[in-house]
Amino acid sequence: MTVSNGCLTITCFNTNADYYSGAVSSQGLFCYGYYEASIEFNGEPGMWSAFWMNSPNTGLYDNNPSSSGAEVDIVEHRYTDTDDVDYINNGVQQAVHWNNEAVDEQTAIIGPIGTNLGTGFHTYGLLWDRTNYYFYIDGSATWSTNAGHSDRSGEVTLSSELTNGW
């Protein structure tokens, strides 16, 4: 990872079938408020990049995301080798996941949405209040939901991964 001219660059690469990814997360936990990042996604096959929040307790108390927390994907972008279900190179998705991931994960999701979001900088935002999540792209509301609403603090993360097989 590097910071230059006010921009964080997360670099991913592979060597000899070993995949190296990067992420930066907040040191503290945050709750209600407005979160925003200006992001330019890389259009290389295999990239899976996201701006998201996650409670360290997600899934601890099944069917109670208020106490257990949730993963909130403010934005996810994936570029695959083929036009399959995971291919969202020109768009993005936004989601909320709660409950135990391995047993009974629940999800509220929208996407793929948007056009031409795989090139240039775009601003992605989340307003989280005591009853709802409100999602934004470039200042325009994309959707809102109270599904999986958490009252638990979480880490804010910017990440980029490489996925073998894409």
C-alpha atoms as a PDB file:
ATOM      1  CA  MET A   1       0.000   0.000   0.000  1.00  0.00           C
ATOM      2  CA  THR A   2       1.156   3.515  -0.728  1.00  0.00           C
ATOM      3  CA  VAL A   3      -0.099   7.039  -0.129  1.00  0.00           C
ATOM      4  CA  SER A   4       0.774   9.651  -2.736  1.00  0.00           C
ATOM      5  CA  ASN A   5      -0.858  12.991  -3.569  1.00  0.00           C
ATOM      6  CA  GLY A   6      -3.572  12.289  -1.003  1.00  0.00           C
ATOM      7  CA  CYS A   7      -4.552   8.940  -2.520  1.00  0.00           C
ATOM      8  CA  LEU A   8      -4.254   5.526  -0.900  1.00  0.00           C
ATOM      9  CA  THR A   9      -3.341   2.812  -3.393  1.00  0.00           C
ATOM     10  CA  ILE A  10      -3.906  -0.806  -2.404  1.00  0.00           C
ATOM     11  CA  THR A  11      -1.815  -3.048  -4.640  1.00  0.00           C
ATOM     12  CA  CYS A  12      -2.577  -6.726  -5.161  1.00  0.00           C
ATOM     13  CA  PHE A  13      -0.472  -9.218  -7.089  1.00  0.00           C
ATOM     14  CA  ASN A  14       0.270 -12.887  -7.558  1.00  0.00           C
ATOM     15  CA  THR A  15       3.525 -14.779  -7.929  1.00  0.00           C
ATOM     16  CA  ASN A  16       3.838 -18.516  -8.470  1.00  0.00           C
ATOM     17  CA  ALA A  17       0.133 -19.030  -7.691  1.00  0.00           C
ATOM     18  CA  ASP A  18       0.457 -17.135  -4.373  1.00  0.00           C
ATOM     19  CA  TYR A  19      -2.008 -14.267  -4.113  1.00  0.00           C
ATOM     20  CA  TYR A  20      -1.279 -11.090  -2.147  1.00  0.00           C
ATOM     21  CA  SER A  21      -4.054  -8.691  -1.177  1.00  0.00           C
ATOM     22  CA  GLY A  22      -4.274  -5.565   0.910  1.00  0.00           C
ATOM     23  CA  ALA A  23      -6.587  -3.714   3.270  1.00  0.00           C
ATOM     24  CA  VAL A  24      -6.609  -0.830   5.672  1.00  0.00           C
ATOM     25  CA  SER A  25      -9.033  -0.721   8.614  1.00  0.00           C
ATOM     26  CA  SER A  26      -9.863   1.754  11.321  1.00  0.00           C
ATOM     27  CA  GLN A  27      -8.136   1.177  14.610  1.00  0.00           C
ATOM     28  CA  GLY A  28     -11.261   2.100  16.545  1.00  0.00           C
ATOM     29  CA  LEU A  29     -14.879   1.099  16.223  1.00  0.00           C
ATOM     30  CA  PHE A  30     -17.509   3.434  14.856  1.00  0.00           C
ATOM     31  CA  CYS A  31     -21.300   3.482  14.955  1.00  0.00           C
ATOM     32  CA  TYR A  32     -23.995   5.797  13.608  1.00  0.00           C
ATOM     33  CA  GLY A  33     -22.892   8.513  11.210  1.00  0.00           C
ATOM     34  CA  TYR A  34     -22.004   9.255   7.623  1.00  0.00           C
ATOM     35  CA  TYR A  35     -19.101   7.425   5.946  1.00  0.00           C
ATOM     36  CA  GLU A  36     -17.767   8.332   2.517  1.00  0.00           C
ATOM     37  CA  ALA A  37     -14.832   7.468   0.261  1.00  0.00           C
ATOM     38  CA  SER A  38     -13.837   8.537  -3.224  1.00  0.00           C
ATOM     39  CA  ILE A  39     -12.656   5.370  -4.993  1.00  0.00           C
ATOM     40  CA  GLU A  40     -11.274   4.453  -8.404  1.00  0.00           C
ATOM     41  CA  PHE A  41     -11.523   0.703  -8.968  1.00  0.00           C
ATOM     42  CA  ASN A  42      -8.969  -1.249 -10.979  1.00  0.00           C
ATOM     43  CA  GLY A  43     -10.332  -3.033 -14.032  1.00  0.00           C
ATOM     44  CA  GLU A  44      -8.094  -6.102 -13.924  1.00  0.00           C
ATOM     45  CA  PRO A  45      -9.619  -9.608 -13.928  1.00  0.00           C
ATOM     46  CA  GLY A  46      -9.574 -11.173 -10.476  1.00  0.00           C
ATOM     47  CA  MET A  47     -10.031  -7.938  -8.510  1.00  0.00           C
ATOM     48  CA  TRP A  48     -12.550  -7.795  -5.675  1.00  0.00           C
ATOM     49  CA  SER A  49     -12.469  -4.414  -3.947  1.00  0.00           C
ATOM     50  CA  ALA A  50     -14.701  -2.978  -1.242  1.00  0.00           C
ATOM     51  CA  PHE A  51     -15.431  -0.156   1.195  1.00  0.00           C
ATOM     52  CA  TRP A  52     -17.216  -1.773   4.124  1.00  0.00           C
ATOM     53  CA  MET A  53     -17.879  -1.967   7.866  1.00  0.00           C
ATOM     54  CA  ASN A  54     -18.032  -5.009  10.109  1.00  0.00           C
ATOM     55  CA  SER A  55     -18.802  -5.552  13.781  1.00  0.00           C
ATOM     56  CA  PRO A  56     -16.399  -7.838  15.647  1.00  0.00           C
ATOM     57  CA  ASN A  57     -19.519  -9.543  17.065  1.00  0.00           C
ATOM     58  CA  THR A  58     -21.283 -10.276  13.760  1.00  0.00           C
ATOM     59  CA  GLY A  59     -23.055 -13.615  14.065  1.00  0.00           C
ATOM     60  CA  LEU A  60     -22.525 -13.923  17.805  1.00  0.00           C
ATOM     61  CA  TYR A  61     -26.242 -13.671  18.569  1.00  0.00           C
ATOM     62  CA  ASP A  62     -28.119 -15.201  15.638  1.00  0.00           C
ATOM     63  CA  ASN A  63     -31.240 -13.414  14.468  1.00  0.00           C
ATOM     64  CA  ASN A  64     -30.336 -10.343  16.524  1.00  0.00           C
ATOM     65  CA  PRO A  65     -28.181  -8.044  14.391  1.00  0.00           C
ATOM     66  CA  SER A  66     -29.007  -5.147  16.692  1.00  0.00           C
ATOM     67  CA  SER A  67     -26.905  -6.776  19.426  1.00  0.00           C
ATOM     68  CA  SER A  68     -24.637  -8.911  17.268  1.00  0.00           C
ATOM     69  CA  GLY A  69     -23.795  -6.429  14.542  1.00  0.00           C
ATOM     70  CA  ALA A  70     -23.655  -6.734  10.776  1.00  0.00           C
ATOM     71  CA  GLU A  71     -21.342  -6.458   7.806  1.00  0.00           C
ATOM     72  CA  VAL A  72     -22.314  -3.425   5.750  1.00  0.00           C
ATOM     73  CA  ASP A  73     -20.866  -3.328   2.239  1.00  0.00           C
ATOM     74  CA  ILE A  74     -20.998   0.355   1.341  1.00  0.00           C
ATOM     75  CA  VAL A  75     -19.694  -0.674  -2.077  1.00  0.00           C
ATOM     76  CA  GLU A  76     -18.219  -3.803  -3.666  1.00  0.00           C
ATOM     77  CA  HIS A  77     -16.706  -4.060  -7.127  1.00  0.00           C
ATOM     78  CA  ARG A  78     -15.651  -7.304  -8.826  1.00  0.00           C
ATOM     79  CA  TYR A  79     -14.042  -7.939 -12.181  1.00  0.00           C
ATOM     80  CA  THR A  80     -14.133 -11.522 -13.422  1.00  0.00           C
ATOM     81  CA  ASP A  81     -12.728 -13.240 -16.505  1.00  0.00           C
ATOM     82  CA  THR A  82     -16.198 -14.184 -17.702  1.00  0.00           C
ATOM     83  CA  ASP A  83     -19.659 -12.661 -17.712  1.00  0.00           C
ATOM     84  CA  ASP A  84     -20.874 -14.767 -14.771  1.00  0.00           C
ATOM     85  CA  VAL A  85     -22.954 -13.904 -11.713  1.00  0.00           C
ATOM     86  CA  ASP A  86     -19.943 -12.310  -9.976  1.00  0.00           C
ATOM     87  CA  TYR A  87     -19.095 -10.029 -12.914  1.00  0.00           C
ATOM     88  CA  ILE A  88     -19.855  -6.420 -12.024  1.00  0.00           C
ATOM     89  CA  ASN A  89     -16.987  -4.585 -13.724  1.00  0.00           C
ATOM     90  CA  ASN A  90     -19.028  -1.595 -14.889  1.00  0.00           C
ATOM     91  CA  GLY A  91     -21.227  -1.477 -11.804  1.00  0.00           C
ATOM     92  CA  VAL A  92     -21.142  -2.153  -8.082  1.00  0.00           C
ATOM     93  CA  GLN A  93     -23.250  -3.749  -5.392  1.00  0.00           C
ATOM     94  CA  GLN A  94     -24.227  -2.662  -1.890  1.00  0.00           C
ATOM     95  CA  ALA A  95     -25.318  -5.063   0.849  1.00  0.00           C
ATOM     96  CA  VAL A  96     -25.962  -5.839   4.498  1.00  0.00           C
ATOM     97  CA  HIS A  97     -25.084  -9.309   5.879  1.00  0.00           C
ATOM     98  CA  TRP A  98     -25.982 -10.579   9.327  1.00  0.00           C
ATOM     99  CA  ASN A  99     -26.170 -13.790  11.388  1.00  0.00           C
ATOM    100  CA  ASN A 100     -23.559 -16.509  11.369  1.00  0.00           C
ATOM    101  CA  GLU A 101     -21.922 -16.646   7.940  1.00  0.00           C
ATOM    102  CA  ALA A 102     -21.397 -20.422   8.069  1.00  0.00           C
ATOM    103  CA  VAL A 103     -24.854 -21.381   9.310  1.00  0.00           C
ATOM    104  CA  ASP A 104     -27.692 -18.990   8.528  1.00  0.00           C
ATOM    105  CA  GLU A 105     -26.379 -15.794   7.000  1.00  0.00           C
ATOM    106  CA  GLN A 106     -29.053 -13.330   5.947  1.00  0.00           C
ATOM    107  CA  THR A 107     -28.486 -10.713   3.249  1.00  0.00           C
ATOM    108  CA  ALA A 108     -30.184  -7.598   1.899  1.00  0.00           C
ATOM    109  CA  ILE A 109     -28.534  -6.559  -1.360  1.00  0.00           C
ATOM    110  CA  ILE A 110     -28.841  -4.330  -4.393  1.00  0.00           C
ATOM    111  CA  GLY A 111     -26.760  -4.779  -7.471  1.00  0.00           C
ATOM    112  CA  PRO A 112     -25.250  -4.800  -9.804  1.00  0.00           C
ATOM    113  CA  ILE A 113     -26.173  -1.125 -10.055  1.00  0.00           C
ATOM    114  CA  GLY A 114     -24.684   1.826 -11.885  1.00  0.00           C
ATOM    115  CA  THR A 115     -22.880   2.229 -15.171  1.00  0.00           C
ATOM    116  CA  ASN A 116     -19.305   3.229 -15.888  1.00  0.00           C
ATOM    117  CA  LEU A 117     -18.390   2.820 -12.221  1.00  0.00           C
ATOM    118  CA  GLY A 118     -15.411   0.634 -13.163  1.00  0.00           C
ATOM    119  CA  THR A 119     -13.470   3.684 -14.385  1.00  0.00           C
ATOM    120  CA  GLY A 120     -12.596   7.010 -12.799  1.00  0.00           C
ATOM    121  CA  PHE A 121     -13.202   8.199  -9.251  1.00  0.00           C
ATOM    122  CA  HIS A 122     -16.682   7.922  -7.759  1.00  0.00           C
ATOM    123  CA  THR A 123     -17.893   8.754  -4.259  1.00  0.00           C
ATOM    124  CA  TYR A 124     -19.632   6.069  -2.207  1.00  0.00           C
ATOM    125  CA  GLY A 125     -21.432   6.871   1.020  1.00  0.00           C
ATOM    126  CA  LEU A 126     -23.406   5.353   3.869  1.00  0.00           C
ATOM    127  CA  LEU A 127     -25.616   7.194   6.334  1.00  0.00           C
ATOM    128  CA  TRP A 128     -26.286   4.917   9.313  1.00  0.00           C
ATOM    129  CA  ASP A 129     -28.819   6.110  11.862  1.00  0.00           C
ATOM    130  CA  ARG A 130     -30.746   4.449  14.683  1.00  0.00           C
ATOM    131  CA  THR A 131     -33.279   2.849  12.311  1.00  0.00           C
ATOM    132  CA  ASN A 132     -31.869   2.553   8.763  1.00  0.00           C
ATOM    133  CA  TYR A 133     -28.930   2.371   6.399  1.00  0.00           C
ATOM    134  CA  TYR A 134     -28.961   4.845   3.470  1.00  0.00           C
ATOM    135  CA  PHE A 135     -26.575   4.206   0.562  1.00  0.00           C
ATOM    136  CA  TYR A 136     -25.256   6.771  -1.942  1.00  0.00           C
ATOM    137  CA  ILE A 137     -23.207   6.929  -5.133  1.00  0.00           C
ATOM    138  CA  ASP A 138     -21.848  10.284  -6.280  1.00  0.00           C
ATOM    139  CA  GLY A 139     -24.232  12.086  -3.906  1.00  0.00           C
ATOM    140  CA  SER A 140     -27.379  10.343  -5.168  1.00  0.00           C
ATOM    141  CA  ALA A 141     -29.355   7.926  -3.006  1.00  0.00           C
ATOM    142  CA  THR A 142     -29.273   4.381  -4.375  1.00  0.00           C
ATOM    143  CA  TRP A 143     -31.337   2.560  -1.748  1.00  0.00           C
ATOM    144  CA  SER A 144     -32.097   2.235   1.939  1.00  0.00           C
ATOM    145  CA  THR A 145     -32.917  -0.651   4.228  1.00  0.00           C
ATOM    146  CA  ASN A 146     -33.538  -1.460   7.869  1.00  0.00           C
ATOM    147  CA  ALA A 147     -32.824  -5.164   7.246  1.00  0.00           C
ATOM    148  CA  GLY A 148     -30.031  -6.425   9.487  1.00  0.00           C
ATOM    149  CA  HIS A 149     -29.893  -3.093  11.282  1.00  0.00           C
ATOM    150  CA  SER A 150     -27.060  -3.068  13.787  1.00  0.00           C
ATOM    151  CA  ASP A 151     -26.639  -0.993  16.919  1.00  0.00           C
ATOM    152  CA  ARG A 152     -23.090  -2.300  17.402  1.00  0.00           C
ATOM    153  CA  SER A 153     -19.941  -0.435  16.470  1.00  0.00           C
ATOM    154  CA  GLY A 154     -17.729  -1.756  13.714  1.00  0.00           C
ATOM    155  CA  GLU A 155     -14.449  -1.276  11.879  1.00  0.00           C
ATOM    156  CA  VAL A 156     -14.338   0.732   8.666  1.00  0.00           C
ATOM    157  CA  THR A 157     -12.283  -1.033   5.970  1.00  0.00           C
ATOM    158  CA  LEU A 158     -10.998  -0.365   2.464  1.00  0.00           C
ATOM    159  CA  SER A 159      -9.851  -3.628   0.880  1.00  0.00           C
ATOM    160  CA  SER A 160      -8.830  -5.201  -2.374  1.00  0.00           C
ATOM    161  CA  GLU A 161      -8.414  -8.912  -2.970  1.00  0.00           C
ATOM    162  CA  LEU A 162      -7.393 -11.197  -5.777  1.00  0.00           C
ATOM    163  CA  THR A 163      -9.529 -14.244  -6.369  1.00  0.00           C
ATOM    164  CA  ASN A 164      -8.119 -17.241  -8.202  1.00  0.00           C
ATOM    165  CA  GLY A 165     -10.356 -18.522 -10.977  1.00  0.00           C
ATOM    166  CA  TRP A 166     -11.756 -15.168 -12.038  1.00  0.00           C
END
